[in-house]
N, C-alpha and C. Protein backbone atom coordinates (compact mmCIF):
# COMPACT_ATOMS: atom_id res chain seq x y z
N MET A 1 146.79 63.57 88.57
CA MET A 1 146.39 62.40 87.81
C MET A 1 146.24 62.81 86.35
N LYS A 2 146.90 62.10 85.48
CA LYS A 2 146.80 62.37 84.06
C LYS A 2 146.59 61.03 83.36
N TYR A 3 145.40 60.82 82.86
CA TYR A 3 145.08 59.57 82.20
C TYR A 3 144.64 59.86 80.77
N ALA A 4 145.50 60.50 79.99
CA ALA A 4 145.16 60.83 78.62
C ALA A 4 144.97 59.55 77.80
N ASP A 5 145.75 58.51 78.11
CA ASP A 5 145.63 57.26 77.40
C ASP A 5 145.40 56.15 78.42
N TYR A 6 144.26 56.20 79.04
CA TYR A 6 143.90 55.26 80.10
C TYR A 6 143.95 53.81 79.61
N GLU A 7 143.49 53.59 78.39
CA GLU A 7 143.43 52.22 77.86
C GLU A 7 144.82 51.58 77.81
N SER A 8 145.85 52.36 77.49
CA SER A 8 147.19 51.78 77.44
C SER A 8 147.67 51.40 78.85
N LEU A 9 147.23 52.14 79.88
CA LEU A 9 147.55 51.75 81.26
C LEU A 9 146.92 50.40 81.61
N VAL A 10 145.68 50.23 81.19
CA VAL A 10 144.98 48.97 81.47
C VAL A 10 145.67 47.82 80.75
N ILE A 11 146.01 48.02 79.49
CA ILE A 11 146.63 46.97 78.69
C ILE A 11 148.03 46.65 79.19
N THR A 12 148.81 47.65 79.50
CA THR A 12 150.21 47.46 79.89
C THR A 12 150.36 46.88 81.29
N HIS A 13 149.59 47.41 82.26
CA HIS A 13 149.81 47.05 83.65
C HIS A 13 148.75 46.11 84.23
N GLY A 14 147.67 45.89 83.52
CA GLY A 14 146.64 44.98 84.02
C GLY A 14 145.89 45.51 85.22
N VAL A 15 145.67 46.82 85.26
CA VAL A 15 144.92 47.45 86.34
C VAL A 15 143.83 48.32 85.74
N GLU A 16 142.78 48.58 86.51
CA GLU A 16 141.75 49.50 86.07
C GLU A 16 141.31 50.37 87.23
N LEU A 17 140.79 51.53 86.90
CA LEU A 17 140.32 52.48 87.89
C LEU A 17 138.84 52.24 88.12
N VAL A 18 138.49 51.82 89.34
CA VAL A 18 137.11 51.48 89.69
C VAL A 18 136.51 52.61 90.50
N GLY A 19 135.28 52.99 90.20
CA GLY A 19 134.59 54.01 90.98
C GLY A 19 134.78 55.42 90.47
N TRP A 20 135.20 55.59 89.22
CA TRP A 20 135.36 56.92 88.65
C TRP A 20 134.01 57.62 88.64
N THR A 21 133.97 58.84 89.07
CA THR A 21 132.69 59.52 89.29
C THR A 21 132.06 60.09 88.03
N GLU A 22 132.82 60.28 86.99
CA GLU A 22 132.27 60.83 85.75
C GLU A 22 131.63 59.71 84.94
N GLY A 23 130.44 59.96 84.44
CA GLY A 23 129.72 58.95 83.68
C GLY A 23 130.31 58.65 82.32
N THR A 24 131.17 59.52 81.81
CA THR A 24 131.76 59.34 80.49
C THR A 24 132.95 58.40 80.51
N GLY A 25 133.32 57.91 81.65
CA GLY A 25 134.49 57.04 81.77
C GLY A 25 135.70 57.84 82.22
N VAL A 26 136.80 57.15 82.42
CA VAL A 26 138.02 57.80 82.90
C VAL A 26 138.51 58.78 81.84
N CYS A 27 138.78 59.99 82.28
CA CYS A 27 139.24 61.03 81.36
C CYS A 27 140.27 61.89 82.08
N PRO A 28 141.06 62.67 81.33
CA PRO A 28 142.02 63.58 81.97
C PRO A 28 141.29 64.60 82.85
N ILE A 29 141.93 65.03 83.91
CA ILE A 29 141.34 65.99 84.84
C ILE A 29 140.94 67.28 84.13
N LYS A 30 141.70 67.69 83.11
CA LYS A 30 141.38 68.95 82.44
C LYS A 30 140.04 68.90 81.70
N ARG A 31 139.47 67.72 81.52
CA ARG A 31 138.15 67.61 80.89
C ARG A 31 137.00 67.69 81.90
N ILE A 32 137.32 67.73 83.18
CA ILE A 32 136.29 67.90 84.20
C ILE A 32 136.10 69.40 84.37
N ASN A 33 134.87 69.88 84.12
CA ASN A 33 134.65 71.30 83.95
C ASN A 33 134.23 72.07 85.19
N THR A 34 133.64 71.44 86.18
CA THR A 34 133.10 72.21 87.30
C THR A 34 133.76 71.82 88.61
N ALA A 35 133.67 72.72 89.56
CA ALA A 35 134.23 72.46 90.89
C ALA A 35 133.48 71.33 91.57
N LEU A 36 132.18 71.24 91.32
CA LEU A 36 131.38 70.16 91.92
C LEU A 36 131.86 68.80 91.45
N GLN A 37 132.14 68.68 90.17
CA GLN A 37 132.65 67.41 89.64
C GLN A 37 134.00 67.07 90.27
N LEU A 38 134.86 68.06 90.40
CA LEU A 38 136.17 67.82 91.02
C LEU A 38 136.04 67.42 92.48
N ARG A 39 135.12 68.09 93.21
CA ARG A 39 134.91 67.74 94.63
C ARG A 39 134.39 66.31 94.76
N CYS A 40 133.48 65.91 93.89
CA CYS A 40 132.96 64.54 93.93
C CYS A 40 134.08 63.53 93.69
N LEU A 41 134.94 63.81 92.71
CA LEU A 41 136.05 62.91 92.42
C LEU A 41 137.03 62.87 93.59
N LEU A 42 137.34 64.02 94.17
CA LEU A 42 138.25 64.07 95.30
C LEU A 42 137.70 63.29 96.49
N THR A 43 136.42 63.43 96.75
CA THR A 43 135.79 62.68 97.84
C THR A 43 135.88 61.18 97.58
N ALA A 44 135.60 60.77 96.35
CA ALA A 44 135.67 59.35 95.99
C ALA A 44 137.09 58.81 96.15
N LEU A 45 138.08 59.60 95.79
CA LEU A 45 139.47 59.17 95.95
C LEU A 45 139.86 59.08 97.42
N ASN A 46 139.46 60.07 98.21
CA ASN A 46 139.81 60.09 99.63
C ASN A 46 139.12 58.98 100.43
N THR A 47 137.90 58.63 100.05
CA THR A 47 137.17 57.58 100.78
C THR A 47 137.51 56.19 100.29
N GLY A 48 138.20 56.09 99.16
CA GLY A 48 138.55 54.78 98.61
C GLY A 48 137.48 54.23 97.68
N GLU A 49 136.42 54.99 97.46
CA GLU A 49 135.38 54.56 96.53
C GLU A 49 135.94 54.47 95.11
N CYS A 50 136.85 55.37 94.78
CA CYS A 50 137.56 55.35 93.50
C CYS A 50 138.98 54.87 93.78
N HIS A 51 139.37 53.74 93.17
CA HIS A 51 140.68 53.15 93.45
C HIS A 51 141.13 52.28 92.29
N TRP A 52 142.42 51.95 92.28
CA TRP A 52 142.97 51.03 91.29
C TRP A 52 142.73 49.60 91.74
N GLU A 53 142.42 48.77 90.77
CA GLU A 53 142.16 47.36 91.07
C GLU A 53 142.88 46.50 90.03
N GLN A 54 143.51 45.43 90.50
CA GLN A 54 144.22 44.50 89.62
C GLN A 54 143.20 43.67 88.84
N LEU A 55 143.40 43.53 87.53
CA LEU A 55 142.51 42.71 86.71
C LEU A 55 142.86 41.23 86.87
N THR A 56 141.87 40.38 86.72
CA THR A 56 142.14 38.94 86.68
C THR A 56 142.81 38.63 85.35
N GLU A 57 143.47 37.50 85.26
CA GLU A 57 144.15 37.12 84.02
C GLU A 57 143.18 37.06 82.84
N ASP A 58 141.99 36.49 83.06
CA ASP A 58 141.00 36.38 81.99
C ASP A 58 140.51 37.76 81.55
N ASN A 59 140.24 38.62 82.52
CA ASN A 59 139.76 39.96 82.21
C ASN A 59 140.83 40.78 81.49
N TRP A 60 142.08 40.62 81.92
CA TRP A 60 143.18 41.32 81.27
C TRP A 60 143.33 40.84 79.84
N ALA A 61 143.24 39.53 79.61
CA ALA A 61 143.33 38.98 78.26
C ALA A 61 142.20 39.50 77.38
N THR A 62 141.01 39.65 77.95
CA THR A 62 139.87 40.19 77.20
C THR A 62 140.13 41.63 76.80
N HIS A 63 140.66 42.44 77.71
CA HIS A 63 140.99 43.83 77.40
C HIS A 63 142.05 43.91 76.30
N LYS A 64 143.08 43.05 76.39
CA LYS A 64 144.13 43.04 75.38
C LYS A 64 143.59 42.67 74.00
N ALA A 65 142.72 41.66 73.96
CA ALA A 65 142.15 41.22 72.69
C ALA A 65 141.27 42.31 72.08
N ALA A 66 140.47 42.98 72.90
CA ALA A 66 139.61 44.05 72.40
C ALA A 66 140.44 45.22 71.89
N HIS A 67 141.52 45.52 72.60
CA HIS A 67 142.41 46.61 72.17
C HIS A 67 143.08 46.28 70.85
N LYS A 68 143.55 45.04 70.71
CA LYS A 68 144.19 44.62 69.46
C LYS A 68 143.20 44.66 68.30
N ALA A 69 141.95 44.26 68.56
CA ALA A 69 140.93 44.29 67.51
C ALA A 69 140.67 45.73 67.06
N ARG A 70 140.64 46.68 68.01
CA ARG A 70 140.43 48.09 67.65
C ARG A 70 141.60 48.61 66.82
N LEU A 71 142.81 48.25 67.19
CA LEU A 71 143.98 48.69 66.43
C LEU A 71 143.99 48.09 65.03
N ASP A 72 143.65 46.81 64.93
CA ASP A 72 143.61 46.15 63.62
C ASP A 72 142.54 46.75 62.72
N ALA A 73 141.46 47.23 63.32
CA ALA A 73 140.37 47.85 62.55
C ALA A 73 140.69 49.30 62.20
N GLY A 74 141.81 49.82 62.68
CA GLY A 74 142.19 51.19 62.39
C GLY A 74 141.52 52.22 63.28
N LEU A 75 140.96 51.78 64.40
CA LEU A 75 140.26 52.69 65.29
C LEU A 75 141.14 53.21 66.42
N GLY A 76 142.39 52.81 66.44
CA GLY A 76 143.30 53.23 67.51
C GLY A 76 143.78 54.65 67.32
N HIS A 77 144.48 55.15 68.31
CA HIS A 77 145.03 56.50 68.28
C HIS A 77 146.20 56.55 67.32
N GLN A 78 146.15 57.47 66.36
CA GLN A 78 147.26 57.63 65.43
C GLN A 78 147.79 59.05 65.56
N ARG A 79 149.09 59.16 65.57
CA ARG A 79 149.71 60.47 65.69
C ARG A 79 149.67 61.21 64.36
N ALA A 80 149.63 62.52 64.44
CA ALA A 80 149.67 63.35 63.24
C ALA A 80 151.09 63.29 62.68
N PRO A 81 151.22 63.37 61.35
CA PRO A 81 152.57 63.34 60.77
C PRO A 81 153.33 64.61 61.13
N HIS A 82 154.64 64.48 61.24
CA HIS A 82 155.50 65.63 61.53
C HIS A 82 155.45 66.63 60.38
N ARG A 83 155.59 67.91 60.70
CA ARG A 83 155.57 68.95 59.67
C ARG A 83 156.75 68.83 58.72
N ASP A 84 157.87 68.32 59.20
CA ASP A 84 159.06 68.25 58.36
C ASP A 84 159.24 66.86 57.75
N LYS A 85 158.16 66.11 57.63
CA LYS A 85 158.23 64.76 57.06
C LYS A 85 158.71 64.85 55.61
N GLY A 86 159.68 64.04 55.27
CA GLY A 86 160.18 63.98 53.91
C GLY A 86 161.27 65.00 53.59
N THR A 87 161.68 65.80 54.56
CA THR A 87 162.73 66.78 54.31
C THR A 87 164.05 66.27 54.87
N SER A 88 165.12 66.78 54.31
CA SER A 88 166.44 66.37 54.75
C SER A 88 166.81 67.10 56.04
N HIS A 89 167.46 66.41 56.93
CA HIS A 89 167.89 67.00 58.19
C HIS A 89 169.40 67.20 58.23
N LYS A 90 170.06 67.03 57.07
CA LYS A 90 171.52 67.15 57.02
C LYS A 90 171.98 68.58 57.28
N GLY A 91 171.23 69.57 56.87
CA GLY A 91 171.62 70.96 57.01
C GLY A 91 171.48 71.49 58.42
N LYS A 92 170.96 70.71 59.33
CA LYS A 92 170.72 71.16 60.70
C LYS A 92 171.82 70.72 61.64
N GLN A 93 173.07 70.78 61.18
CA GLN A 93 174.21 70.39 62.01
C GLN A 93 174.56 71.54 62.95
N PRO A 94 175.01 71.25 64.16
CA PRO A 94 175.41 72.32 65.08
C PRO A 94 176.65 73.05 64.55
N LEU A 95 176.74 74.33 64.88
CA LEU A 95 177.88 75.13 64.46
C LEU A 95 179.11 74.77 65.28
N SER A 96 180.26 74.78 64.64
CA SER A 96 181.50 74.53 65.38
C SER A 96 181.93 75.83 66.06
N SER A 97 182.82 75.72 67.01
CA SER A 97 183.28 76.90 67.75
C SER A 97 184.09 77.84 66.85
N GLU A 98 184.64 77.33 65.75
CA GLU A 98 185.42 78.17 64.84
C GLU A 98 184.54 79.12 64.04
N THR A 99 183.31 78.73 63.77
CA THR A 99 182.45 79.57 62.95
C THR A 99 181.62 80.54 63.77
N VAL A 100 181.65 80.44 65.09
CA VAL A 100 180.89 81.34 65.93
C VAL A 100 181.66 82.64 66.07
N ASN A 101 180.98 83.77 65.84
CA ASN A 101 181.61 85.07 65.94
C ASN A 101 181.68 85.48 67.40
N SER A 102 182.83 85.89 67.87
CA SER A 102 183.01 86.21 69.29
C SER A 102 182.97 87.71 69.51
N ASP A 103 181.94 88.40 69.02
CA ASP A 103 181.80 89.84 69.20
C ASP A 103 181.46 90.20 70.64
N SER A 104 180.94 89.25 71.42
CA SER A 104 180.52 89.56 72.78
C SER A 104 181.68 89.94 73.66
N SER A 105 182.88 89.38 73.45
CA SER A 105 184.02 89.71 74.29
C SER A 105 184.51 91.13 74.00
N GLU A 106 184.40 91.57 72.74
CA GLU A 106 184.81 92.92 72.38
C GLU A 106 183.87 93.95 73.00
N SER A 107 182.57 93.67 73.01
CA SER A 107 181.61 94.62 73.56
C SER A 107 181.77 94.71 75.08
N ASP A 108 182.20 93.63 75.74
CA ASP A 108 182.44 93.67 77.17
C ASP A 108 183.59 94.60 77.50
N GLU A 109 184.65 94.56 76.66
CA GLU A 109 185.80 95.43 76.88
C GLU A 109 185.41 96.90 76.73
N GLU A 110 184.54 97.20 75.74
CA GLU A 110 184.10 98.57 75.51
C GLU A 110 183.30 99.07 76.70
N ASN A 111 182.46 98.21 77.29
CA ASN A 111 181.67 98.61 78.44
C ASN A 111 182.54 98.92 79.64
N VAL A 112 183.64 98.20 79.80
CA VAL A 112 184.56 98.44 80.92
C VAL A 112 185.25 99.80 80.73
N ASP A 113 185.67 100.14 79.49
CA ASP A 113 186.34 101.40 79.21
C ASP A 113 185.41 102.58 79.45
N LEU A 114 184.13 102.45 79.10
CA LEU A 114 183.17 103.52 79.28
C LEU A 114 182.88 103.76 80.75
N ALA A 115 182.91 102.75 81.56
CA ALA A 115 182.61 102.87 82.97
C ALA A 115 183.74 103.55 83.73
N ALA A 116 184.95 103.47 83.20
CA ALA A 116 186.10 104.03 83.91
C ALA A 116 186.23 105.50 83.78
């Protein structure tokens, strides 16, 4: 289970995870630190206490509106800019077969002569 962006799952698919055992809300598994916490979550999943549930249309609309308001306020997740932002990518063309040096075939022939 990987729910790094749980809110986008709720907004996109109209489902929510009910019965999550961690008090901090749904989080990626790598943020659960102890074996006891993992065992509690596993038990909840196996017994059905923790499960996916379809949202009602009204509840889904409420989640969408709240998400849009957070994005409009600038509180949403923003990606870091790329390190090569603003640089030209024209020089990164693949090499053609004519410009590749084929020294490997010559070294193979030398190895065969030495072995004989």
